[in-house]
Every structure is written in structure tokens, then in C-alpha cells.
Amino acid sequence: MNSSGHLSVSDNAARPMAKAKRGRPKKVVNGENGNGATPRPQAAVGTLTRTKSLLAAALKVWELKQRGLGS
């Protein structure tokens, strides 16, 4: 207590904590990428295999956007 008869307020009590974000916890699956398939090792940078896979991924994104399913 201080001289006025009131309790002093600590820093923790003066500043309220931020609310914890709520959400669905992510499932953790060891050795899998979420769809049941084991992850493949990525091709080295600059190889034709990597270029093809990147083009295929870009095409998939473009197709989803054309259908209105992408963001």
C-alpha cells in the first residue's frame, strides 16, 4: 500500500494480455504431407524436372483461378 491507502498496480496488471487466438489445431502427421502421401525429395534447382514441376504447379493454380476456386 502507498501513503494514500491504495494498492500499487504492477505492470502486468496494468497491461492486459492479448487474447489467445482460437482455431482448430492443425493435425500433425509424421512423414506425410497431410493427404496421406509421403513427401518426394525436390529436384535440384536448374534442372528440367524442377522446371516441369513448377510449370505444372503454376498451371494448376491458373486453372483453379479460372474456375473461381482460387483466391
C-alpha atoms as a PDB file:
ATOM      1  CA  MET A   1       0.000   0.000   0.000  1.00  0.00           C
ATOM      2  CA  ASN A   2       1.114   3.519  -0.626  1.00  0.00           C
ATOM      3  CA  SER A   3       0.526   6.613   1.530  1.00  0.00           C
ATOM      4  CA  SER A   4      -2.968   7.248   0.093  1.00  0.00           C
ATOM      5  CA  GLY A   5      -4.158   3.826   1.221  1.00  0.00           C
ATOM      6  CA  HIS A   6      -4.379   2.303  -2.290  1.00  0.00           C
ATOM      7  CA  LEU A   7      -2.532  -0.712  -3.529  1.00  0.00           C
ATOM      8  CA  SER A   8       0.110  -0.067  -6.160  1.00  0.00           C
ATOM      9  CA  VAL A   9      -0.599  -1.543  -9.585  1.00  0.00           C
ATOM     10  CA  SER A  10       2.051  -3.745 -11.131  1.00  0.00           C
ATOM     11  CA  ASP A  11       2.960  -3.523 -14.840  1.00  0.00           C
ATOM     12  CA  ASN A  12       1.386  -6.910 -15.540  1.00  0.00           C
ATOM     13  CA  ALA A  13      -1.906  -5.879 -14.002  1.00  0.00           C
ATOM     14  CA  ALA A  14      -1.955  -2.505 -15.775  1.00  0.00           C
ATOM     15  CA  ARG A  15      -1.482  -4.008 -19.260  1.00  0.00           C
ATOM     16  CA  PRO A  16      -3.951  -6.755 -20.121  1.00  0.00           C
ATOM     17  CA  MET A  17      -2.661  -9.683 -22.086  1.00  0.00           C
ATOM     18  CA  ALA A  18      -3.689 -10.097 -25.709  1.00  0.00           C
ATOM     19  CA  LYS A  19      -6.482 -12.581 -26.296  1.00  0.00           C
ATOM     20  CA  ALA A  20      -5.352 -16.003 -27.329  1.00  0.00           C
ATOM     21  CA  LYS A  21      -6.235 -16.840 -30.917  1.00  0.00           C
ATOM     22  CA  ARG A  22      -8.686 -19.673 -31.151  1.00  0.00           C
ATOM     23  CA  GLY A  23      -8.878 -22.034 -34.011  1.00  0.00           C
ATOM     24  CA  ARG A  24      -8.819 -25.615 -34.992  1.00  0.00           C
ATOM     25  CA  PRO A  25      -5.464 -27.171 -34.116  1.00  0.00           C
ATOM     26  CA  LYS A  26      -3.566 -28.493 -37.097  1.00  0.00           C
ATOM     27  CA  LYS A  27      -3.155 -32.215 -37.381  1.00  0.00           C
ATOM     28  CA  VAL A  28       0.440 -33.327 -37.238  1.00  0.00           C
ATOM     29  CA  VAL A  29       1.258 -36.393 -39.267  1.00  0.00           C
ATOM     30  CA  ASN A  30       4.814 -37.615 -39.127  1.00  0.00           C
ATOM     31  CA  GLY A  31       6.374 -38.295 -42.534  1.00  0.00           C
ATOM     32  CA  GLU A  32       3.317 -37.272 -44.518  1.00  0.00           C
ATOM     33  CA  ASN A  33       2.187 -34.043 -46.140  1.00  0.00           C
ATOM     34  CA  GLY A  34      -1.430 -34.146 -44.979  1.00  0.00           C
ATOM     35  CA  ASN A  35      -3.037 -36.107 -47.815  1.00  0.00           C
ATOM     36  CA  GLY A  36      -1.519 -39.469 -46.902  1.00  0.00           C
ATOM     37  CA  ALA A  37       1.298 -39.330 -49.434  1.00  0.00           C
ATOM     38  CA  THR A  38       4.897 -39.311 -48.328  1.00  0.00           C
ATOM     39  CA  PRO A  39       6.783 -36.207 -49.479  1.00  0.00           C
ATOM     40  CA  ARG A  40       9.052 -36.572 -52.500  1.00  0.00           C
ATOM     41  CA  PRO A  41      12.509 -35.041 -52.472  1.00  0.00           C
ATOM     42  CA  GLN A  42      12.580 -31.862 -54.532  1.00  0.00           C
ATOM     43  CA  ALA A  43      14.601 -31.728 -57.732  1.00  0.00           C
ATOM     44  CA  ALA A  44      17.759 -29.656 -57.827  1.00  0.00           C
ATOM     45  CA  VAL A  45      17.468 -26.016 -58.873  1.00  0.00           C
ATOM     46  CA  GLY A  46      18.032 -25.502 -62.586  1.00  0.00           C
ATOM     47  CA  THR A  47      17.051 -28.995 -63.713  1.00  0.00           C
ATOM     48  CA  LEU A  48      14.417 -29.802 -66.304  1.00  0.00           C
ATOM     49  CA  THR A  49      12.489 -31.880 -63.776  1.00  0.00           C
ATOM     50  CA  ARG A  50      12.159 -28.914 -61.426  1.00  0.00           C
ATOM     51  CA  THR A  51      11.132 -26.621 -64.268  1.00  0.00           C
ATOM     52  CA  LYS A  52       8.429 -29.067 -65.345  1.00  0.00           C
ATOM     53  CA  SER A  53       7.087 -29.436 -61.819  1.00  0.00           C
ATOM     54  CA  LEU A  54       6.988 -25.666 -61.315  1.00  0.00           C
ATOM     55  CA  LEU A  55       5.157 -25.205 -64.616  1.00  0.00           C
ATOM     56  CA  ALA A  56       2.670 -27.926 -63.662  1.00  0.00           C
ATOM     57  CA  ALA A  57       2.015 -26.230 -60.311  1.00  0.00           C
ATOM     58  CA  ALA A  58       1.568 -22.841 -61.989  1.00  0.00           C
ATOM     59  CA  LEU A  59      -0.853 -24.369 -64.478  1.00  0.00           C
ATOM     60  CA  LYS A  60      -2.866 -25.932 -61.652  1.00  0.00           C
ATOM     61  CA  VAL A  61      -3.117 -22.566 -59.884  1.00  0.00           C
ATOM     62  CA  TRP A  62      -4.172 -20.848 -63.119  1.00  0.00           C
ATOM     63  CA  GLU A  63      -6.845 -23.491 -63.764  1.00  0.00           C
ATOM     64  CA  LEU A  64      -8.244 -23.103 -60.251  1.00  0.00           C
ATOM     65  CA  LYS A  65      -8.401 -19.335 -60.682  1.00  0.00           C
ATOM     66  CA  GLN A  66     -10.227 -19.717 -63.994  1.00  0.00           C
ATOM     67  CA  ARG A  67     -12.839 -21.888 -62.259  1.00  0.00           C
ATOM     68  CA  GLY A  68     -13.211 -19.334 -59.490  1.00  0.00           C
ATOM     69  CA  LEU A  69     -11.844 -21.659 -56.806  1.00  0.00           C
ATOM     70  CA  GLY A  70      -8.641 -19.731 -56.149  1.00  0.00           C
ATOM     71  CA  SER A  71      -8.211 -16.621 -54.061  1.00  0.00           C
END
